[in-house]
């Protein structure tokens, strides 16, 4: 997100020094004033370029990024913060796309094999200098287990952007979203972009069904609840397979009745976004089609009415 040209960093770092060069020359050596103006403009332009965010992602080459901080969320979930080369750098990841993480991991036969998995950061390009990944580690996982064993100061290999979905403001009137577990990350990325874009005229409505096994499994619930309070155009509907006795939300797997009750009806200006375990996504594609949404492709494209990340 670009700063205003009247931002303090430009005033203090560019305008005032340039003005002092011109003013000092005008007082001491007026005949050199036109040279001073050229020097001030050149230095100002150089400093301006230096302060602009630089996109660091490369789609065709892995780069290493250092783990700066690890925030434990639960026994098998953590947020990993990785530093970018400079404080003003950004990943350069379009909203809705993801990155690939690669690691050479030991195999049961004693060999080493490069494993690559996709992840969506829970941070964005409006937060320069770092990126955050929310990762749930599994005992049988490859990259997720590798990440859980990382210590601050160690690095991971990343490339991107990847993915067929790129969010643009007001691309649809209404998003229906269904996420399961860590499938919340691309949804959250889009939701936050919509909320940030309200002042600029983004009127997109969002209804999210977020399915988990237990209440303790609901990732980033505080963030989601805070967004619903902040933005009247966003609503979240929780579903649990094993709810507590006092649970007020949905129970069991996500059904056609839940989709009909909570999400927008099929229309040309409506998209249904899906992300979660493959069996869940596969079942939801069939359910959506039965409800009148256009048949989802095996591999989703941006123009599809039902898009699976």
C-alpha atoms as a PDB file:
ATOM      1  CA  UNK A   1       0.000   0.000   0.000  1.00  0.00           C
ATOM      2  CA  UNK A   2       1.597   3.260  -1.091  1.00  0.00           C
ATOM      3  CA  UNK A   3       1.999   6.126   1.383  1.00  0.00           C
ATOM      4  CA  UNK A   4       0.713   9.644   0.831  1.00  0.00           C
ATOM      5  CA  UNK A   5       3.314  11.926  -0.735  1.00  0.00           C
ATOM      6  CA  UNK A   6       2.829  14.137   2.326  1.00  0.00           C
ATOM      7  CA  UNK A   7       3.816  11.310   4.703  1.00  0.00           C
ATOM      8  CA  UNK A   8       6.275  12.261   7.457  1.00  0.00           C
ATOM      9  CA  UNK A   9       9.025  10.039   6.034  1.00  0.00           C
ATOM     10  CA  UNK A  10       8.953  12.002   2.761  1.00  0.00           C
ATOM     11  CA  UNK A  11       8.796  15.395   4.510  1.00  0.00           C
ATOM     12  CA  UNK A  12      11.683  14.580   6.884  1.00  0.00           C
ATOM     13  CA  UNK A  13      13.771  12.495   4.502  1.00  0.00           C
ATOM     14  CA  UNK A  14      13.295  14.269   1.166  1.00  0.00           C
ATOM     15  CA  UNK A  15      11.496  17.628   1.172  1.00  0.00           C
ATOM     16  CA  UNK A  16      13.304  19.260   4.126  1.00  0.00           C
ATOM     17  CA  UNK A  17      16.863  18.212   3.061  1.00  0.00           C
ATOM     18  CA  UNK A  18      16.155  19.237  -0.556  1.00  0.00           C
ATOM     19  CA  UNK A  19      14.743  22.556   0.613  1.00  0.00           C
ATOM     20  CA  UNK A  20      17.787  23.214   2.790  1.00  0.00           C
ATOM     21  CA  UNK A  21      20.144  22.580  -0.147  1.00  0.00           C
ATOM     22  CA  UNK A  22      18.256  25.074  -2.323  1.00  0.00           C
ATOM     23  CA  UNK A  23      17.828  27.643   0.466  1.00  0.00           C
ATOM     24  CA  UNK A  24      21.468  27.448   1.571  1.00  0.00           C
ATOM     25  CA  UNK A  25      22.701  27.887  -1.997  1.00  0.00           C
ATOM     26  CA  UNK A  26      20.332  30.823  -2.549  1.00  0.00           C
ATOM     27  CA  UNK A  27      21.802  32.565   0.488  1.00  0.00           C
ATOM     28  CA  UNK A  28      25.491  31.755  -0.023  1.00  0.00           C
ATOM     29  CA  UNK A  29      26.018  31.261  -3.788  1.00  0.00           C
ATOM     30  CA  UNK A  30      22.971  32.483  -5.659  1.00  0.00           C
ATOM     31  CA  UNK A  31      24.696  32.056  -9.024  1.00  0.00           C
ATOM     32  CA  UNK A  32      24.752  28.268  -8.420  1.00  0.00           C
ATOM     33  CA  UNK A  33      21.049  28.105  -7.563  1.00  0.00           C
ATOM     34  CA  UNK A  34      20.007  26.235 -10.716  1.00  0.00           C
ATOM     35  CA  UNK A  35      22.663  23.580 -10.016  1.00  0.00           C
ATOM     36  CA  UNK A  36      21.406  23.274  -6.432  1.00  0.00           C
ATOM     37  CA  UNK A  37      17.870  22.728  -7.680  1.00  0.00           C
ATOM     38  CA  UNK A  38      19.043  19.929 -10.009  1.00  0.00           C
ATOM     39  CA  UNK A  39      21.075  18.302  -7.219  1.00  0.00           C
ATOM     40  CA  UNK A  40      18.111  18.533  -4.810  1.00  0.00           C
ATOM     41  CA  UNK A  41      15.778  16.946  -7.381  1.00  0.00           C
ATOM     42  CA  UNK A  42      18.264  14.147  -8.158  1.00  0.00           C
ATOM     43  CA  UNK A  43      18.911  13.343  -4.486  1.00  0.00           C
ATOM     44  CA  UNK A  44      15.200  13.538  -3.697  1.00  0.00           C
ATOM     45  CA  UNK A  45      14.346  11.140  -6.537  1.00  0.00           C
ATOM     46  CA  UNK A  46      17.070   8.726  -5.420  1.00  0.00           C
ATOM     47  CA  UNK A  47      15.842   8.725  -1.813  1.00  0.00           C
ATOM     48  CA  UNK A  48      12.215   8.369  -2.956  1.00  0.00           C
ATOM     49  CA  UNK A  49      13.071   5.289  -5.039  1.00  0.00           C
ATOM     50  CA  UNK A  50      15.035   3.820  -2.109  1.00  0.00           C
ATOM     51  CA  UNK A  51      12.012   4.154   0.200  1.00  0.00           C
ATOM     52  CA  UNK A  52       9.572   2.367  -2.134  1.00  0.00           C
ATOM     53  CA  UNK A  53       8.589  -1.201  -1.247  1.00  0.00           C
ATOM     54  CA  UNK A  54      10.477  -3.825  -3.214  1.00  0.00           C
ATOM     55  CA  UNK A  55       8.720  -7.078  -4.153  1.00  0.00           C
ATOM     56  CA  UNK A  56      11.009  -9.981  -3.245  1.00  0.00           C
ATOM     57  CA  UNK A  57       9.133 -13.094  -4.436  1.00  0.00           C
ATOM     58  CA  UNK A  58      10.448 -14.922  -7.501  1.00  0.00           C
ATOM     59  CA  UNK A  59       8.071 -17.363  -9.234  1.00  0.00           C
ATOM     60  CA  UNK A  60      10.835 -19.502 -10.729  1.00  0.00           C
ATOM     61  CA  UNK A  61      13.476 -19.561  -7.982  1.00  0.00           C
ATOM     62  CA  UNK A  62      13.517 -20.514  -4.312  1.00  0.00           C
ATOM     63  CA  UNK A  63      14.884 -17.915  -1.891  1.00  0.00           C
ATOM     64  CA  UNK A  64      15.775 -18.345   1.779  1.00  0.00           C
ATOM     65  CA  UNK A  65      14.013 -16.386   4.516  1.00  0.00           C
ATOM     66  CA  UNK A  66      14.963 -16.413   8.195  1.00  0.00           C
ATOM     67  CA  UNK A  67      12.554 -17.330  10.991  1.00  0.00           C
ATOM     68  CA  UNK A  68      12.408 -14.292  13.281  1.00  0.00           C
ATOM     69  CA  UNK A  69       9.621 -15.235  15.659  1.00  0.00           C
ATOM     70  CA  UNK A  70       7.410 -18.207  16.530  1.00  0.00           C
ATOM     71  CA  UNK A  71       4.089 -17.712  18.310  1.00  0.00           C
ATOM     72  CA  UNK A  72       2.575 -20.906  19.735  1.00  0.00           C
ATOM     73  CA  UNK A  73      -1.224 -21.001  19.299  1.00  0.00           C
ATOM     74  CA  UNK A  74      -1.845 -24.560  20.516  1.00  0.00           C
ATOM     75  CA  UNK A  75      -0.009 -27.865  20.889  1.00  0.00           C
ATOM     76  CA  UNK A  76       0.221 -28.275  17.102  1.00  0.00           C
ATOM     77  CA  UNK A  77      -0.449 -24.793  15.678  1.00  0.00           C
ATOM     78  CA  UNK A  78       1.895 -21.818  15.492  1.00  0.00           C
ATOM     79  CA  UNK A  79       2.356 -18.553  13.619  1.00  0.00           C
ATOM     80  CA  UNK A  80       5.814 -18.320  12.066  1.00  0.00           C
ATOM     81  CA  UNK A  81       7.169 -14.850  11.232  1.00  0.00           C
ATOM     82  CA  UNK A  82       9.872 -14.689   8.562  1.00  0.00           C
ATOM     83  CA  UNK A  83      11.949 -11.595   7.866  1.00  0.00           C
ATOM     84  CA  UNK A  84      12.390 -10.025   4.439  1.00  0.00           C
ATOM     85  CA  UNK A  85      15.803  -8.638   3.396  1.00  0.00           C
ATOM     86  CA  UNK A  86      14.883  -4.996   4.154  1.00  0.00           C
ATOM     87  CA  UNK A  87      12.305  -3.349   6.464  1.00  0.00           C
ATOM     88  CA  UNK A  88      10.525  -1.771   3.463  1.00  0.00           C
ATOM     89  CA  UNK A  89      10.412  -4.990   1.384  1.00  0.00           C
ATOM     90  CA  UNK A  90       7.132  -6.782   0.663  1.00  0.00           C
ATOM     91  CA  UNK A  91       6.513 -10.314  -0.586  1.00  0.00           C
ATOM     92  CA  UNK A  92       4.603  -9.040  -3.622  1.00  0.00           C
ATOM     93  CA  UNK A  93       1.847 -11.622  -3.220  1.00  0.00           C
ATOM     94  CA  UNK A  94      -1.481 -10.767  -4.891  1.00  0.00           C
ATOM     95  CA  UNK A  95      -4.540 -11.256  -2.667  1.00  0.00           C
ATOM     96  CA  UNK A  96      -5.790 -14.820  -3.131  1.00  0.00           C
ATOM     97  CA  UNK A  97      -2.502 -16.360  -4.235  1.00  0.00           C
ATOM     98  CA  UNK A  98      -0.085 -18.472  -2.220  1.00  0.00           C
ATOM     99  CA  UNK A  99       3.594 -19.373  -1.892  1.00  0.00           C
ATOM    100  CA  UNK A 100       5.479 -22.662  -2.211  1.00  0.00           C
ATOM    101  CA  UNK A 101       7.743 -23.868   0.585  1.00  0.00           C
ATOM    102  CA  UNK A 102      10.376 -26.438  -0.326  1.00  0.00           C
ATOM    103  CA  UNK A 103      12.654 -28.545   1.853  1.00  0.00           C
ATOM    104  CA  UNK A 104      14.965 -31.525   1.321  1.00  0.00           C
ATOM    105  CA  UNK A 105      13.645 -34.060   3.810  1.00  0.00           C
ATOM    106  CA  UNK A 106      14.970 -37.504   4.776  1.00  0.00           C
ATOM    107  CA  UNK A 107      12.977 -40.481   3.497  1.00  0.00           C
ATOM    108  CA  UNK A 108      12.401 -43.910   5.136  1.00  0.00           C
ATOM    109  CA  UNK A 109      14.923 -45.520   2.758  1.00  0.00           C
ATOM    110  CA  UNK A 110      17.656 -43.149   3.930  1.00  0.00           C
ATOM    111  CA  UNK A 111      17.617 -40.904   0.866  1.00  0.00           C
ATOM    112  CA  UNK A 112      16.689 -37.234   0.751  1.00  0.00           C
ATOM    113  CA  UNK A 113      13.839 -35.841  -1.323  1.00  0.00           C
ATOM    114  CA  UNK A 114      12.654 -32.307  -2.003  1.00  0.00           C
ATOM    115  CA  UNK A 115       9.096 -31.846  -0.745  1.00  0.00           C
ATOM    116  CA  UNK A 116       7.075 -28.773  -1.783  1.00  0.00           C
ATOM    117  CA  UNK A 117       3.827 -27.587  -0.195  1.00  0.00           C
ATOM    118  CA  UNK A 118       1.655 -24.482  -0.679  1.00  0.00           C
ATOM    119  CA  UNK A 119       0.747 -22.016   2.065  1.00  0.00           C
ATOM    120  CA  UNK A 120      -1.139 -18.722   2.201  1.00  0.00           C
ATOM    121  CA  UNK A 121       0.361 -16.081   4.532  1.00  0.00           C
ATOM    122  CA  UNK A 122      -1.961 -14.541   7.115  1.00  0.00           C
ATOM    123  CA  UNK A 123      -0.080 -11.252   6.663  1.00  0.00           C
ATOM    124  CA  UNK A 124      -0.164  -9.030   3.580  1.00  0.00           C
ATOM    125  CA  UNK A 125       1.810  -6.569   1.496  1.00  0.00           C
ATOM    126  CA  UNK A 126       0.440  -3.726   3.647  1.00  0.00           C
ATOM    127  CA  UNK A 127       2.791  -5.082   6.352  1.00  0.00           C
ATOM    128  CA  UNK A 128       6.348  -4.601   4.995  1.00  0.00           C
ATOM    129  CA  UNK A 129       9.471  -6.291   6.296  1.00  0.00           C
ATOM    130  CA  UNK A 130       8.055  -9.727   7.109  1.00  0.00           C
ATOM    131  CA  UNK A 131       5.425 -12.363   6.355  1.00  0.00           C
ATOM    132  CA  UNK A 132       3.478 -14.623   8.732  1.00  0.00           C
ATOM    133  CA  UNK A 133       2.444 -18.232   8.159  1.00  0.00           C
ATOM    134  CA  UNK A 134      -0.173 -20.030  10.252  1.00  0.00           C
ATOM    135  CA  UNK A 135       0.717 -23.730  10.162  1.00  0.00           C
ATOM    136  CA  UNK A 136      -0.804 -26.762  11.821  1.00  0.00           C
ATOM    137  CA  UNK A 137       1.757 -29.545  12.160  1.00  0.00           C
ATOM    138  CA  UNK A 138       0.813 -33.190  11.782  1.00  0.00           C
ATOM    139  CA  UNK A 139       2.828 -36.240  12.990  1.00  0.00           C
ATOM    140  CA  UNK A 140       2.764 -37.644   9.452  1.00  0.00           C
ATOM    141  CA  UNK A 141       3.190 -34.254   7.783  1.00  0.00           C
ATOM    142  CA  UNK A 142       6.208 -33.340   5.708  1.00  0.00           C
ATOM    143  CA  UNK A 143       6.662 -29.567   5.541  1.00  0.00           C
ATOM    144  CA  UNK A 144       4.363 -28.905   8.524  1.00  0.00           C
ATOM    145  CA  UNK A 145       6.444 -31.246  10.727  1.00  0.00           C
ATOM    146  CA  UNK A 146       9.641 -29.660   9.381  1.00  0.00           C
ATOM    147  CA  UNK A 147       8.309 -26.186  10.234  1.00  0.00           C
ATOM    148  CA  UNK A 148       7.414 -27.243  13.772  1.00  0.00           C
ATOM    149  CA  UNK A 149      11.049 -28.218  14.311  1.00  0.00           C
ATOM    150  CA  UNK A 150      12.468 -24.900  13.093  1.00  0.00           C
ATOM    151  CA  UNK A 151      14.312 -22.694  15.573  1.00  0.00           C
ATOM    152  CA  UNK A 152      14.514 -18.913  15.386  1.00  0.00           C
ATOM    153  CA  UNK A 153      17.419 -18.024  13.094  1.00  0.00           C
ATOM    154  CA  UNK A 154      16.920 -20.982  10.753  1.00  0.00           C
ATOM    155  CA  UNK A 155      15.612 -20.474   7.223  1.00  0.00           C
ATOM    156  CA  UNK A 156      13.021 -21.829   4.814  1.00  0.00           C
ATOM    157  CA  UNK A 157      13.009 -21.844   1.023  1.00  0.00           C
ATOM    158  CA  UNK A 158      10.145 -19.969  -0.634  1.00  0.00           C
ATOM    159  CA  UNK A 159       9.033 -19.131  -4.168  1.00  0.00           C
ATOM    160  CA  UNK A 160       5.869 -17.690  -5.716  1.00  0.00           C
ATOM    161  CA  UNK A 161       3.350 -16.241  -6.286  1.00  0.00           C
ATOM    162  CA  UNK A 162       1.242 -19.248  -7.264  1.00  0.00           C
ATOM    163  CA  UNK A 163      -2.454 -19.863  -7.741  1.00  0.00           C
ATOM    164  CA  UNK A 164      -5.279 -19.091 -10.158  1.00  0.00           C
ATOM    165  CA  UNK A 165      -7.264 -16.797  -7.847  1.00  0.00           C
ATOM    166  CA  UNK A 166      -6.439 -13.072  -7.642  1.00  0.00           C
ATOM    167  CA  UNK A 167      -8.832 -10.825  -5.740  1.00  0.00           C
ATOM    168  CA  UNK A 168      -9.783  -7.436  -7.149  1.00  0.00           C
ATOM    169  CA  UNK A 169     -12.202  -5.069  -5.354  1.00  0.00           C
ATOM    170  CA  UNK A 170     -15.884  -5.576  -6.210  1.00  0.00           C
ATOM    171  CA  UNK A 171     -15.143  -8.536  -8.512  1.00  0.00           C
ATOM    172  CA  UNK A 172     -18.436  -9.970  -7.213  1.00  0.00           C
ATOM    173  CA  UNK A 173     -21.375  -8.635  -5.212  1.00  0.00           C
ATOM    174  CA  UNK A 174     -21.213 -11.415  -2.621  1.00  0.00           C
ATOM    175  CA  UNK A 175     -18.746 -14.153  -1.643  1.00  0.00           C
ATOM    176  CA  UNK A 176     -19.900 -17.345  -0.006  1.00  0.00           C
ATOM    177  CA  UNK A 177     -16.912 -19.032   1.656  1.00  0.00           C
ATOM    178  CA  UNK A 178     -16.541 -22.469   3.225  1.00  0.00           C
ATOM    179  CA  UNK A 179     -13.307 -23.267   5.059  1.00  0.00           C
ATOM    180  CA  UNK A 180     -12.180 -26.297   7.041  1.00  0.00           C
ATOM    181  CA  UNK A 181      -9.302 -26.103   9.524  1.00  0.00           C
ATOM    182  CA  UNK A 182      -6.235 -24.366   8.094  1.00  0.00           C
ATOM    183  CA  UNK A 183      -8.263 -23.724   4.941  1.00  0.00           C
ATOM    184  CA  UNK A 184      -9.162 -20.462   6.680  1.00  0.00           C
ATOM    185  CA  UNK A 185      -5.901 -18.791   5.574  1.00  0.00           C
ATOM    186  CA  UNK A 186      -6.770 -17.838   1.958  1.00  0.00           C
ATOM    187  CA  UNK A 187     -10.268 -16.801   3.087  1.00  0.00           C
ATOM    188  CA  UNK A 188      -8.846 -14.538   5.785  1.00  0.00           C
ATOM    189  CA  UNK A 189      -6.475 -12.971   3.259  1.00  0.00           C
ATOM    190  CA  UNK A 190      -9.418 -12.039   0.991  1.00  0.00           C
ATOM    191  CA  UNK A 191     -11.666 -10.923   3.882  1.00  0.00           C
ATOM    192  CA  UNK A 192      -9.014  -8.600   5.298  1.00  0.00           C
ATOM    193  CA  UNK A 193      -8.407  -7.086   1.856  1.00  0.00           C
ATOM    194  CA  UNK A 194     -12.136  -6.390   1.477  1.00  0.00           C
ATOM    195  CA  UNK A 195     -12.373  -4.767   4.919  1.00  0.00           C
ATOM    196  CA  UNK A 196      -9.265  -2.649   4.247  1.00  0.00           C
ATOM    197  CA  UNK A 197     -10.774  -1.579   0.930  1.00  0.00           C
ATOM    198  CA  UNK A 198     -14.058  -0.254   2.354  1.00  0.00           C
ATOM    199  CA  UNK A 199     -12.825   3.365   2.435  1.00  0.00           C
ATOM    200  CA  UNK A 200     -11.868   3.084  -1.236  1.00  0.00           C
ATOM    201  CA  UNK A 201     -15.338   1.827  -2.192  1.00  0.00           C
ATOM    202  CA  UNK A 202     -15.213  -1.981  -1.860  1.00  0.00           C
ATOM    203  CA  UNK A 203     -18.816  -3.024  -1.140  1.00  0.00           C
ATOM    204  CA  UNK A 204     -18.344  -6.816  -1.381  1.00  0.00           C
ATOM    205  CA  UNK A 205     -20.472  -8.832   1.036  1.00  0.00           C
ATOM    206  CA  UNK A 206     -18.962 -11.942   2.644  1.00  0.00           C
ATOM    207  CA  UNK A 207     -20.512 -14.888   4.474  1.00  0.00           C
ATOM    208  CA  UNK A 208     -18.110 -17.528   5.770  1.00  0.00           C
ATOM    209  CA  UNK A 209     -18.881 -21.018   7.056  1.00  0.00           C
ATOM    210  CA  UNK A 210     -15.897 -22.191   9.109  1.00  0.00           C
ATOM    211  CA  UNK A 211     -15.951 -25.915   9.956  1.00  0.00           C
ATOM    212  CA  UNK A 212     -13.826 -27.599  12.627  1.00  0.00           C
ATOM    213  CA  UNK A 213     -13.895 -30.686  14.844  1.00  0.00           C
ATOM    214  CA  UNK A 214     -13.907 -29.018  18.290  1.00  0.00           C
ATOM    215  CA  UNK A 215     -14.194 -25.463  19.601  1.00  0.00           C
ATOM    216  CA  UNK A 216     -10.476 -25.535  20.465  1.00  0.00           C
ATOM    217  CA  UNK A 217      -9.682 -26.245  16.806  1.00  0.00           C
ATOM    218  CA  UNK A 218     -11.132 -22.922  15.586  1.00  0.00           C
ATOM    219  CA  UNK A 219      -8.074 -21.054  14.334  1.00  0.00           C
ATOM    220  CA  UNK A 220      -7.911 -17.244  14.567  1.00  0.00           C
ATOM    221  CA  UNK A 221     -11.400 -17.063  16.090  1.00  0.00           C
ATOM    222  CA  UNK A 222     -10.587 -13.808  17.909  1.00  0.00           C
ATOM    223  CA  UNK A 223      -9.465 -12.226  14.627  1.00  0.00           C
ATOM    224  CA  UNK A 224     -12.588 -13.380  12.800  1.00  0.00           C
ATOM    225  CA  UNK A 225     -14.926 -12.210  15.569  1.00  0.00           C
ATOM    226  CA  UNK A 226     -13.167  -8.844  15.666  1.00  0.00           C
ATOM    227  CA  UNK A 227     -13.643  -8.465  11.904  1.00  0.00           C
ATOM    228  CA  UNK A 228     -17.385  -9.166  12.211  1.00  0.00           C
ATOM    229  CA  UNK A 229     -17.636  -6.402  14.825  1.00  0.00           C
ATOM    230  CA  UNK A 230     -15.570  -4.018  12.688  1.00  0.00           C
ATOM    231  CA  UNK A 231     -17.355  -4.672   9.405  1.00  0.00           C
ATOM    232  CA  UNK A 232     -21.108  -5.132   8.934  1.00  0.00           C
ATOM    233  CA  UNK A 233     -20.510  -6.624   5.468  1.00  0.00           C
ATOM    234  CA  UNK A 234     -18.796  -9.712   6.892  1.00  0.00           C
ATOM    235  CA  UNK A 235     -20.468 -12.560   8.780  1.00  0.00           C
ATOM    236  CA  UNK A 236     -19.001 -15.841  10.074  1.00  0.00           C
ATOM    237  CA  UNK A 237     -20.944 -19.035  10.829  1.00  0.00           C
ATOM    238  CA  UNK A 238     -19.129 -21.692  12.875  1.00  0.00           C
ATOM    239  CA  UNK A 239     -19.773 -25.424  12.472  1.00  0.00           C
ATOM    240  CA  UNK A 240     -18.372 -28.101  14.807  1.00  0.00           C
ATOM    241  CA  UNK A 241     -18.336 -31.864  14.413  1.00  0.00           C
ATOM    242  CA  UNK A 242     -17.963 -32.357  18.193  1.00  0.00           C
ATOM    243  CA  UNK A 243     -19.527 -29.298  19.840  1.00  0.00           C
ATOM    244  CA  UNK A 244     -19.685 -28.540  23.577  1.00  0.00           C
ATOM    245  CA  UNK A 245     -23.054 -28.793  25.363  1.00  0.00           C
ATOM    246  CA  UNK A 246     -23.738 -25.038  25.184  1.00  0.00           C
ATOM    247  CA  UNK A 247     -22.835 -24.684  21.468  1.00  0.00           C
ATOM    248  CA  UNK A 248     -25.039 -22.287  19.491  1.00  0.00           C
ATOM    249  CA  UNK A 249     -23.555 -22.796  16.021  1.00  0.00           C
ATOM    250  CA  UNK A 250     -23.866 -25.487  13.372  1.00  0.00           C
ATOM    251  CA  UNK A 251     -23.286 -29.156  14.191  1.00  0.00           C
ATOM    252  CA  UNK A 252     -21.800 -31.953  12.065  1.00  0.00           C
ATOM    253  CA  UNK A 253     -20.484 -31.641   8.523  1.00  0.00           C
ATOM    254  CA  UNK A 254     -21.352 -28.664   6.301  1.00  0.00           C
ATOM    255  CA  UNK A 255     -24.654 -29.490   4.597  1.00  0.00           C
ATOM    256  CA  UNK A 256     -26.706 -28.109   1.747  1.00  0.00           C
ATOM    257  CA  UNK A 257     -29.177 -26.731   4.293  1.00  0.00           C
ATOM    258  CA  UNK A 258     -26.379 -24.754   5.997  1.00  0.00           C
ATOM    259  CA  UNK A 259     -25.235 -23.354   2.649  1.00  0.00           C
ATOM    260  CA  UNK A 260     -28.818 -22.370   1.774  1.00  0.00           C
ATOM    261  CA  UNK A 261     -29.336 -20.767   5.203  1.00  0.00           C
ATOM    262  CA  UNK A 262     -26.084 -18.845   5.545  1.00  0.00           C
ATOM    263  CA  UNK A 263     -24.533 -18.268   2.109  1.00  0.00           C
ATOM    264  CA  UNK A 264     -25.718 -16.243  -0.911  1.00  0.00           C
ATOM    265  CA  UNK A 265     -27.940 -17.906  -3.507  1.00  0.00           C
ATOM    266  CA  UNK A 266     -26.369 -18.810  -6.879  1.00  0.00           C
ATOM    267  CA  UNK A 267     -26.163 -15.748  -9.145  1.00  0.00           C
ATOM    268  CA  UNK A 268     -23.884 -14.318 -11.837  1.00  0.00           C
ATOM    269  CA  UNK A 269     -22.413 -11.839  -9.331  1.00  0.00           C
ATOM    270  CA  UNK A 270     -21.811 -14.458  -6.613  1.00  0.00           C
ATOM    271  CA  UNK A 271     -18.786 -16.716  -6.079  1.00  0.00           C
ATOM    272  CA  UNK A 272     -18.428 -19.682  -3.756  1.00  0.00           C
ATOM    273  CA  UNK A 273     -14.885 -20.164  -2.416  1.00  0.00           C
ATOM    274  CA  UNK A 274     -13.811 -23.496  -0.895  1.00  0.00           C
ATOM    275  CA  UNK A 275     -10.692 -24.520   1.028  1.00  0.00           C
ATOM    276  CA  UNK A 276     -10.130 -27.448   3.346  1.00  0.00           C
ATOM    277  CA  UNK A 277      -9.329 -31.173   3.397  1.00  0.00           C
ATOM    278  CA  UNK A 278      -9.733 -32.725  -0.092  1.00  0.00           C
ATOM    279  CA  UNK A 279     -12.663 -35.041   0.867  1.00  0.00           C
ATOM    280  CA  UNK A 280     -14.539 -32.044   2.296  1.00  0.00           C
ATOM    281  CA  UNK A 281     -13.937 -29.893  -0.799  1.00  0.00           C
ATOM    282  CA  UNK A 282     -14.916 -32.735  -3.134  1.00  0.00           C
ATOM    283  CA  UNK A 283     -18.195 -33.278  -1.285  1.00  0.00           C
ATOM    284  CA  UNK A 284     -18.979 -29.543  -1.190  1.00  0.00           C
ATOM    285  CA  UNK A 285     -18.487 -29.228  -4.957  1.00  0.00           C
ATOM    286  CA  UNK A 286     -21.231 -31.818  -5.475  1.00  0.00           C
ATOM    287  CA  UNK A 287     -23.478 -30.181  -2.870  1.00  0.00           C
ATOM    288  CA  UNK A 288     -23.017 -26.752  -4.478  1.00  0.00           C
ATOM    289  CA  UNK A 289     -23.938 -28.129  -7.889  1.00  0.00           C
ATOM    290  CA  UNK A 290     -27.104 -29.688  -6.446  1.00  0.00           C
ATOM    291  CA  UNK A 291     -28.034 -26.263  -5.037  1.00  0.00           C
ATOM    292  CA  UNK A 292     -27.813 -24.601  -8.453  1.00  0.00           C
ATOM    293  CA  UNK A 293     -24.198 -23.422  -8.593  1.00  0.00           C
ATOM    294  CA  UNK A 294     -22.330 -24.103 -11.828  1.00  0.00           C
ATOM    295  CA  UNK A 295     -20.399 -27.377 -11.848  1.00  0.00           C
ATOM    296  CA  UNK A 296     -16.907 -26.949 -10.418  1.00  0.00           C
ATOM    297  CA  UNK A 297     -13.912 -28.008 -12.502  1.00  0.00           C
ATOM    298  CA  UNK A 298     -11.323 -30.475 -11.157  1.00  0.00           C
ATOM    299  CA  UNK A 299      -8.817 -27.573 -11.185  1.00  0.00           C
ATOM    300  CA  UNK A 300     -10.448 -24.214 -10.561  1.00  0.00           C
ATOM    301  CA  UNK A 301     -10.006 -21.132 -12.734  1.00  0.00           C
ATOM    302  CA  UNK A 302     -10.559 -17.505 -11.716  1.00  0.00           C
ATOM    303  CA  UNK A 303     -13.773 -17.157 -13.712  1.00  0.00           C
ATOM    304  CA  UNK A 304     -15.411 -20.195 -12.066  1.00  0.00           C
ATOM    305  CA  UNK A 305     -18.480 -19.636  -9.904  1.00  0.00           C
ATOM    306  CA  UNK A 306     -17.234 -22.313  -7.479  1.00  0.00           C
ATOM    307  CA  UNK A 307     -13.520 -21.912  -6.825  1.00  0.00           C
ATOM    308  CA  UNK A 308     -11.479 -24.326  -4.718  1.00  0.00           C
ATOM    309  CA  UNK A 309      -8.081 -23.163  -3.481  1.00  0.00           C
END
